[in-house]
Amino acid sequence: MIRLDFPWSTSNGRIIHTIIQEHRNGPYFIYVQDILIGSIQKVDGNWAQTSGDEILDDIIENMGMFIQEQANIAKLPDEIKALWPTEVVAVEVISDAAYLIIIGDEIDITKFEIEFRDQITDWVDQQWQVKFQVTKRISEESFEVDVN
């Protein structure tokens, strides 16, 4: 599941749209204040509304660009697993600004933390802060890294 917060400024103020994709290649559901207002999806190379209340074309286009800019969300977990194939068991996307990384219990978490902190900044290409919580599968050892 992917969850993004999309801010949109209007003459009445700023509206935060929550964009949720429940399944890969599925539509993106658009919520405002936890109320589903519609869905959008890429159709024949263009972003289009596929259900719900009418959303302005300008907003749909900007949401589509925002979603595409966030493509790193889908790629980063696989890149993390490829960087540390013997250490990383799983990577879960919590949001566009938070990831949970689970490492094997046999891994020396202190050594892994040093290596992770040293290398992760080269792989994150976001213009906002991203939080990585790294934990062992069974034990309670963990650490967090914030990357801007």
N, C-alpha and C. Protein backbone atom coordinates (compact mmCIF):
# COMPACT_ATOMS: atom_id res chain seq x y z
N MET A 1 0.85 -1.18 0.00
CA MET A 1 0.00 0.00 0.00
C MET A 1 0.89 1.24 0.00
N ILE A 2 0.48 2.21 -0.77
CA ILE A 2 1.17 3.50 -0.82
C ILE A 2 0.22 4.56 -0.30
N ARG A 3 0.75 5.44 0.56
CA ARG A 3 -0.04 6.55 1.10
C ARG A 3 0.77 7.83 0.96
N LEU A 4 0.19 8.82 0.32
CA LEU A 4 0.85 10.11 0.12
C LEU A 4 -0.07 11.23 0.57
N ASP A 5 0.50 12.29 1.10
CA ASP A 5 -0.27 13.49 1.43
C ASP A 5 0.06 14.55 0.38
N PHE A 6 -0.97 15.00 -0.32
CA PHE A 6 -0.81 15.94 -1.42
C PHE A 6 -1.45 17.28 -1.03
N PRO A 7 -0.64 18.31 -0.79
CA PRO A 7 -1.20 19.61 -0.45
C PRO A 7 -1.63 20.37 -1.70
N TRP A 8 -2.77 21.05 -1.62
CA TRP A 8 -3.26 21.85 -2.74
C TRP A 8 -3.78 23.17 -2.19
N SER A 9 -3.23 24.26 -2.71
CA SER A 9 -3.65 25.59 -2.23
C SER A 9 -4.79 26.11 -3.09
N THR A 10 -5.80 26.65 -2.40
CA THR A 10 -6.94 27.29 -3.07
C THR A 10 -7.10 28.69 -2.51
N SER A 11 -8.05 29.43 -3.05
CA SER A 11 -8.30 30.78 -2.54
C SER A 11 -8.83 30.73 -1.10
N ASN A 12 -9.38 29.57 -0.71
CA ASN A 12 -9.92 29.41 0.65
C ASN A 12 -8.91 28.82 1.63
N GLY A 13 -7.69 28.56 1.16
CA GLY A 13 -6.68 27.98 2.03
C GLY A 13 -6.08 26.73 1.42
N ARG A 14 -5.43 25.98 2.25
CA ARG A 14 -4.72 24.79 1.81
C ARG A 14 -5.52 23.53 2.16
N ILE A 15 -5.64 22.63 1.19
CA ILE A 15 -6.35 21.37 1.39
C ILE A 15 -5.34 20.23 1.26
N ILE A 16 -5.36 19.33 2.20
CA ILE A 16 -4.50 18.15 2.12
C ILE A 16 -5.34 17.00 1.60
N HIS A 17 -4.95 16.48 0.44
CA HIS A 17 -5.57 15.29 -0.13
C HIS A 17 -4.70 14.09 0.26
N THR A 18 -5.31 13.06 0.75
CA THR A 18 -4.58 11.83 1.03
C THR A 18 -4.79 10.90 -0.15
N ILE A 19 -3.69 10.44 -0.72
CA ILE A 19 -3.73 9.58 -1.90
C ILE A 19 -3.28 8.18 -1.45
N ILE A 20 -4.13 7.18 -1.68
CA ILE A 20 -3.82 5.82 -1.26
C ILE A 20 -3.96 4.87 -2.44
N GLN A 21 -2.91 4.08 -2.67
CA GLN A 21 -2.99 3.01 -3.65
C GLN A 21 -2.89 1.71 -2.85
N GLU A 22 -3.96 0.91 -2.90
CA GLU A 22 -4.00 -0.30 -2.09
C GLU A 22 -3.25 -1.47 -2.73
N HIS A 23 -3.23 -1.52 -4.07
CA HIS A 23 -2.59 -2.63 -4.78
C HIS A 23 -1.78 -2.08 -5.95
N ARG A 24 -0.65 -2.73 -6.22
CA ARG A 24 0.18 -2.34 -7.36
C ARG A 24 -0.67 -2.33 -8.63
N ASN A 25 -0.49 -1.33 -9.45
CA ASN A 25 -1.22 -1.13 -10.70
C ASN A 25 -2.70 -0.82 -10.49
N GLY A 26 -3.13 -0.65 -9.25
CA GLY A 26 -4.52 -0.30 -8.98
C GLY A 26 -4.70 1.21 -9.00
N PRO A 27 -5.94 1.67 -8.88
CA PRO A 27 -6.20 3.11 -8.86
C PRO A 27 -5.69 3.74 -7.57
N TYR A 28 -5.52 5.05 -7.62
CA TYR A 28 -5.16 5.84 -6.45
C TYR A 28 -6.44 6.47 -5.93
N PHE A 29 -6.80 6.15 -4.68
CA PHE A 29 -8.01 6.69 -4.07
C PHE A 29 -7.67 8.02 -3.40
N ILE A 30 -8.53 9.01 -3.60
CA ILE A 30 -8.31 10.36 -3.11
C ILE A 30 -9.28 10.63 -1.95
N TYR A 31 -8.70 11.04 -0.82
CA TYR A 31 -9.49 11.35 0.37
C TYR A 31 -9.23 12.79 0.79
N VAL A 32 -10.26 13.44 1.30
CA VAL A 32 -10.12 14.74 1.95
C VAL A 32 -10.79 14.59 3.31
N GLN A 33 -10.04 14.82 4.37
CA GLN A 33 -10.52 14.66 5.74
C GLN A 33 -11.18 13.30 5.94
N ASP A 34 -10.50 12.25 5.49
CA ASP A 34 -10.94 10.86 5.63
C ASP A 34 -12.22 10.52 4.86
N ILE A 35 -12.63 11.39 3.94
CA ILE A 35 -13.80 11.12 3.10
C ILE A 35 -13.32 10.84 1.68
N LEU A 36 -13.69 9.67 1.15
CA LEU A 36 -13.31 9.30 -0.21
C LEU A 36 -14.04 10.20 -1.20
N ILE A 37 -13.27 10.91 -2.03
CA ILE A 37 -13.90 11.79 -3.02
C ILE A 37 -13.76 11.28 -4.44
N GLY A 38 -12.89 10.28 -4.66
CA GLY A 38 -12.75 9.74 -6.00
C GLY A 38 -11.47 8.94 -6.14
N SER A 39 -11.19 8.57 -7.38
CA SER A 39 -9.96 7.85 -7.67
C SER A 39 -9.41 8.31 -9.01
N ILE A 40 -8.09 8.18 -9.15
CA ILE A 40 -7.43 8.52 -10.40
C ILE A 40 -6.51 7.36 -10.78
N GLN A 41 -6.21 7.30 -12.07
CA GLN A 41 -5.33 6.25 -12.57
C GLN A 41 -4.75 6.72 -13.89
N LYS A 42 -3.59 6.20 -14.23
CA LYS A 42 -2.98 6.53 -15.50
C LYS A 42 -3.65 5.68 -16.58
N VAL A 43 -4.26 6.35 -17.56
CA VAL A 43 -4.96 5.68 -18.64
C VAL A 43 -4.36 6.16 -19.96
N ASP A 44 -3.83 5.23 -20.74
CA ASP A 44 -3.20 5.57 -22.02
C ASP A 44 -2.15 6.68 -21.87
N GLY A 45 -1.38 6.62 -20.79
CA GLY A 45 -0.29 7.57 -20.59
C GLY A 45 -0.69 8.88 -19.94
N ASN A 46 -1.98 9.08 -19.67
CA ASN A 46 -2.45 10.32 -19.05
C ASN A 46 -3.20 10.01 -17.77
N TRP A 47 -3.08 10.92 -16.80
CA TRP A 47 -3.81 10.74 -15.55
C TRP A 47 -5.26 11.14 -15.76
N ALA A 48 -6.18 10.29 -15.27
CA ALA A 48 -7.61 10.54 -15.44
C ALA A 48 -8.35 10.11 -14.18
N GLN A 49 -9.44 10.79 -13.94
CA GLN A 49 -10.30 10.40 -12.83
C GLN A 49 -11.11 9.18 -13.27
N THR A 50 -11.17 8.17 -12.40
CA THR A 50 -11.88 6.94 -12.75
C THR A 50 -13.15 6.72 -11.93
N SER A 51 -13.34 7.53 -10.88
CA SER A 51 -14.58 7.42 -10.10
C SER A 51 -14.71 8.62 -9.17
N GLY A 52 -15.93 8.80 -8.65
CA GLY A 52 -16.15 9.78 -7.61
C GLY A 52 -16.63 11.14 -8.08
N ASP A 53 -16.63 12.09 -7.12
CA ASP A 53 -17.01 13.46 -7.40
C ASP A 53 -16.02 14.06 -8.38
N GLU A 54 -16.48 14.99 -9.20
CA GLU A 54 -15.61 15.59 -10.21
C GLU A 54 -14.47 16.36 -9.55
N ILE A 55 -13.26 16.02 -9.97
CA ILE A 55 -12.05 16.69 -9.49
C ILE A 55 -11.51 17.50 -10.65
N LEU A 56 -11.09 18.73 -10.40
CA LEU A 56 -10.59 19.59 -11.46
C LEU A 56 -9.40 18.94 -12.19
N ASP A 57 -9.36 19.10 -13.51
CA ASP A 57 -8.28 18.52 -14.31
C ASP A 57 -6.90 18.97 -13.83
N ASP A 58 -6.79 20.23 -13.41
CA ASP A 58 -5.52 20.75 -12.94
C ASP A 58 -5.04 20.00 -11.70
N ILE A 59 -5.98 19.69 -10.81
CA ILE A 59 -5.62 18.94 -9.60
C ILE A 59 -5.21 17.52 -9.97
N ILE A 60 -5.96 16.88 -10.87
CA ILE A 60 -5.62 15.51 -11.29
C ILE A 60 -4.24 15.49 -11.92
N GLU A 61 -3.95 16.43 -12.79
CA GLU A 61 -2.65 16.48 -13.45
C GLU A 61 -1.52 16.66 -12.43
N ASN A 62 -1.72 17.56 -11.48
CA ASN A 62 -0.70 17.80 -10.45
C ASN A 62 -0.55 16.60 -9.51
N MET A 63 -1.65 15.93 -9.19
CA MET A 63 -1.57 14.72 -8.37
C MET A 63 -0.77 13.65 -9.12
N GLY A 64 -1.04 13.51 -10.41
CA GLY A 64 -0.31 12.54 -11.21
C GLY A 64 1.18 12.81 -11.24
N MET A 65 1.55 14.08 -11.41
CA MET A 65 2.97 14.44 -11.39
C MET A 65 3.57 14.15 -10.03
N PHE A 66 2.83 14.46 -8.97
CA PHE A 66 3.28 14.20 -7.61
C PHE A 66 3.51 12.70 -7.39
N ILE A 67 2.57 11.89 -7.86
CA ILE A 67 2.70 10.43 -7.72
C ILE A 67 3.93 9.94 -8.47
N GLN A 68 4.14 10.44 -9.68
CA GLN A 68 5.29 10.01 -10.47
C GLN A 68 6.60 10.42 -9.81
N GLU A 69 6.62 11.60 -9.20
CA GLU A 69 7.82 12.04 -8.48
C GLU A 69 8.12 11.12 -7.31
N GLN A 70 7.09 10.49 -6.81
CA GLN A 70 7.25 9.60 -5.66
C GLN A 70 7.59 8.18 -6.08
N ALA A 71 7.88 7.97 -7.35
CA ALA A 71 8.20 6.62 -7.83
C ALA A 71 9.34 6.01 -7.05
N ASN A 72 10.17 6.86 -6.46
CA ASN A 72 11.27 6.36 -5.64
C ASN A 72 10.76 5.51 -4.47
N ILE A 73 9.54 5.75 -4.05
CA ILE A 73 8.95 4.99 -2.95
C ILE A 73 8.90 3.51 -3.31
N ALA A 74 8.52 3.21 -4.53
CA ALA A 74 8.41 1.82 -4.95
C ALA A 74 9.78 1.19 -5.18
N LYS A 75 10.76 1.97 -5.58
CA LYS A 75 12.08 1.44 -5.91
C LYS A 75 13.00 1.31 -4.71
N LEU A 76 12.89 2.20 -3.76
CA LEU A 76 13.83 2.23 -2.64
C LEU A 76 13.87 0.93 -1.82
N PRO A 77 12.73 0.30 -1.49
CA PRO A 77 12.83 -0.95 -0.73
C PRO A 77 13.67 -2.02 -1.45
N ASP A 78 13.47 -2.18 -2.76
CA ASP A 78 14.25 -3.16 -3.51
C ASP A 78 15.73 -2.78 -3.55
N GLU A 79 16.01 -1.48 -3.65
CA GLU A 79 17.40 -1.02 -3.65
C GLU A 79 18.06 -1.29 -2.30
N ILE A 80 17.32 -1.09 -1.23
CA ILE A 80 17.87 -1.36 0.11
C ILE A 80 18.16 -2.84 0.27
N LYS A 81 17.22 -3.69 -0.18
CA LYS A 81 17.45 -5.13 -0.08
C LYS A 81 18.63 -5.57 -0.95
N ALA A 82 18.80 -4.93 -2.11
CA ALA A 82 19.93 -5.27 -2.98
C ALA A 82 21.27 -4.82 -2.39
N LEU A 83 21.26 -3.69 -1.69
CA LEU A 83 22.49 -3.19 -1.05
C LEU A 83 22.95 -4.10 0.08
N TRP A 84 22.00 -4.63 0.83
CA TRP A 84 22.32 -5.46 1.99
C TRP A 84 21.54 -6.78 1.90
N PRO A 85 21.85 -7.62 0.90
CA PRO A 85 21.05 -8.83 0.68
C PRO A 85 21.12 -9.86 1.80
N THR A 86 22.23 -9.91 2.50
CA THR A 86 22.33 -10.90 3.58
C THR A 86 21.84 -10.35 4.92
N GLU A 87 21.74 -9.04 5.04
CA GLU A 87 21.33 -8.44 6.31
C GLU A 87 19.83 -8.12 6.37
N VAL A 88 19.29 -7.57 5.28
CA VAL A 88 17.91 -7.09 5.28
C VAL A 88 16.94 -8.22 4.93
N VAL A 89 16.00 -8.45 5.82
CA VAL A 89 14.97 -9.47 5.63
C VAL A 89 13.78 -8.88 4.89
N ALA A 90 13.37 -7.65 5.25
CA ALA A 90 12.20 -7.02 4.63
C ALA A 90 12.29 -5.51 4.79
N VAL A 91 11.62 -4.81 3.86
CA VAL A 91 11.50 -3.35 3.93
C VAL A 91 10.03 -3.03 3.72
N GLU A 92 9.43 -2.34 4.68
CA GLU A 92 8.02 -1.96 4.58
C GLU A 92 7.93 -0.45 4.41
N VAL A 93 7.12 -0.02 3.44
CA VAL A 93 6.87 1.39 3.24
C VAL A 93 5.71 1.78 4.15
N ILE A 94 6.00 2.64 5.10
CA ILE A 94 4.96 3.12 6.02
C ILE A 94 4.24 4.31 5.37
N SER A 95 5.02 5.20 4.77
CA SER A 95 4.49 6.36 4.05
C SER A 95 5.61 6.88 3.16
N ASP A 96 5.37 8.00 2.47
CA ASP A 96 6.42 8.57 1.63
C ASP A 96 7.57 9.14 2.47
N ALA A 97 7.40 9.17 3.79
CA ALA A 97 8.44 9.72 4.66
C ALA A 97 8.88 8.75 5.76
N ALA A 98 8.47 7.48 5.65
CA ALA A 98 8.83 6.54 6.70
C ALA A 98 8.93 5.10 6.16
N TYR A 99 10.03 4.44 6.53
CA TYR A 99 10.27 3.06 6.13
C TYR A 99 10.65 2.25 7.36
N LEU A 100 10.20 1.01 7.40
CA LEU A 100 10.60 0.07 8.44
C LEU A 100 11.47 -0.99 7.78
N ILE A 101 12.70 -1.14 8.28
CA ILE A 101 13.65 -2.11 7.73
C ILE A 101 13.89 -3.16 8.79
N ILE A 102 13.68 -4.42 8.41
CA ILE A 102 13.85 -5.52 9.33
C ILE A 102 15.10 -6.29 8.91
N ILE A 103 16.02 -6.45 9.87
CA ILE A 103 17.25 -7.20 9.59
C ILE A 103 17.24 -8.50 10.38
N GLY A 104 18.08 -9.43 9.96
CA GLY A 104 18.17 -10.72 10.62
C GLY A 104 18.68 -10.60 12.04
N ASP A 105 18.24 -11.49 12.89
CA ASP A 105 18.65 -11.45 14.30
C ASP A 105 20.13 -11.77 14.50
N GLU A 106 20.75 -12.43 13.53
CA GLU A 106 22.17 -12.77 13.65
C GLU A 106 23.09 -11.62 13.27
N ILE A 107 22.53 -10.52 12.77
CA ILE A 107 23.32 -9.37 12.30
C ILE A 107 23.76 -8.53 13.51
N ASP A 108 25.00 -8.10 13.49
CA ASP A 108 25.52 -7.18 14.52
C ASP A 108 24.94 -5.80 14.21
N ILE A 109 23.95 -5.39 14.98
CA ILE A 109 23.22 -4.15 14.67
C ILE A 109 24.11 -2.91 14.79
N THR A 110 25.10 -2.93 15.65
CA THR A 110 25.99 -1.79 15.79
C THR A 110 26.82 -1.59 14.52
N LYS A 111 27.36 -2.65 13.99
CA LYS A 111 28.12 -2.56 12.74
C LYS A 111 27.22 -2.18 11.57
N PHE A 112 26.03 -2.79 11.55
CA PHE A 112 25.09 -2.48 10.46
C PHE A 112 24.67 -1.01 10.51
N GLU A 113 24.45 -0.48 11.70
CA GLU A 113 24.05 0.92 11.83
C GLU A 113 25.11 1.85 11.24
N ILE A 114 26.38 1.58 11.52
CA ILE A 114 27.46 2.42 10.98
C ILE A 114 27.44 2.39 9.46
N GLU A 115 27.35 1.21 8.89
CA GLU A 115 27.33 1.06 7.42
C GLU A 115 26.07 1.69 6.82
N PHE A 116 24.93 1.46 7.46
CA PHE A 116 23.66 1.99 6.96
C PHE A 116 23.67 3.52 6.95
N ARG A 117 24.06 4.12 8.06
CA ARG A 117 24.11 5.59 8.14
C ARG A 117 25.06 6.18 7.10
N ASP A 118 26.15 5.49 6.85
CA ASP A 118 27.15 5.96 5.90
C ASP A 118 26.64 5.92 4.46
N GLN A 119 25.83 4.92 4.11
CA GLN A 119 25.44 4.71 2.72
C GLN A 119 24.04 5.18 2.34
N ILE A 120 23.11 5.23 3.28
CA ILE A 120 21.71 5.48 2.91
C ILE A 120 21.49 6.87 2.32
N THR A 121 22.27 7.84 2.73
CA THR A 121 22.08 9.20 2.19
C THR A 121 22.34 9.26 0.69
N ASP A 122 23.17 8.36 0.17
CA ASP A 122 23.43 8.32 -1.27
C ASP A 122 22.25 7.75 -2.05
N TRP A 123 21.36 7.03 -1.38
CA TRP A 123 20.26 6.36 -2.07
C TRP A 123 18.93 7.07 -1.93
N VAL A 124 18.84 8.03 -1.04
CA VAL A 124 17.57 8.74 -0.84
C VAL A 124 17.61 10.04 -1.60
N ASP A 125 16.68 10.21 -2.51
CA ASP A 125 16.63 11.40 -3.34
C ASP A 125 15.29 12.11 -3.13
N GLN A 126 15.00 12.45 -1.88
CA GLN A 126 13.76 13.14 -1.56
C GLN A 126 14.09 14.55 -1.11
N GLN A 127 13.13 15.44 -1.27
CA GLN A 127 13.33 16.82 -0.86
C GLN A 127 12.69 17.09 0.49
N TRP A 128 12.39 16.05 1.23
CA TRP A 128 11.85 16.18 2.56
C TRP A 128 12.51 15.12 3.43
N GLN A 129 12.28 15.19 4.70
CA GLN A 129 12.91 14.26 5.63
C GLN A 129 12.28 12.88 5.50
N VAL A 130 13.11 11.86 5.46
CA VAL A 130 12.66 10.47 5.41
C VAL A 130 13.22 9.76 6.63
N LYS A 131 12.36 9.05 7.35
CA LYS A 131 12.76 8.34 8.57
C LYS A 131 12.85 6.85 8.26
N PHE A 132 13.97 6.27 8.64
CA PHE A 132 14.18 4.83 8.53
C PHE A 132 14.26 4.26 9.94
N GLN A 133 13.39 3.33 10.24
CA GLN A 133 13.48 2.62 11.51
C GLN A 133 14.01 1.23 11.17
N VAL A 134 15.14 0.89 11.75
CA VAL A 134 15.78 -0.40 11.49
C VAL A 134 15.66 -1.23 12.76
N THR A 135 15.15 -2.44 12.62
CA THR A 135 14.95 -3.30 13.78
C THR A 135 15.28 -4.74 13.43
N LYS A 136 15.60 -5.51 14.42
CA LYS A 136 15.79 -6.94 14.22
C LYS A 136 14.43 -7.62 14.20
N ARG A 137 14.37 -8.78 13.57
CA ARG A 137 13.09 -9.46 13.41
C ARG A 137 12.47 -9.86 14.75
N ILE A 138 13.25 -10.42 15.63
CA ILE A 138 12.67 -10.91 16.89
C ILE A 138 13.11 -10.07 18.08
N SER A 139 14.37 -9.74 18.18
CA SER A 139 14.83 -8.98 19.34
C SER A 139 14.37 -7.53 19.25
N GLU A 140 14.53 -6.81 20.32
CA GLU A 140 14.06 -5.43 20.39
C GLU A 140 15.13 -4.41 20.02
N GLU A 141 16.30 -4.86 19.56
CA GLU A 141 17.36 -3.94 19.16
C GLU A 141 16.91 -3.17 17.92
N SER A 142 17.11 -1.86 17.95
CA SER A 142 16.71 -1.05 16.80
C SER A 142 17.44 0.30 16.82
N PHE A 143 17.34 1.00 15.70
CA PHE A 143 17.82 2.38 15.62
C PHE A 143 17.02 3.10 14.55
N GLU A 144 17.08 4.42 14.58
CA GLU A 144 16.39 5.25 13.59
C GLU A 144 17.38 6.19 12.93
N VAL A 145 17.12 6.47 11.64
CA VAL A 145 17.95 7.39 10.88
C VAL A 145 17.01 8.34 10.13
N ASP A 146 17.25 9.65 10.27
CA ASP A 146 16.50 10.65 9.51
C ASP A 146 17.41 11.17 8.42
N VAL A 147 16.90 11.17 7.17
CA VAL A 147 17.67 11.63 6.03
C VAL A 147 16.91 12.75 5.35
N ASN A 148 17.59 13.84 5.06
CA ASN A 148 16.96 14.96 4.35
C ASN A 148 17.47 14.96 2.92
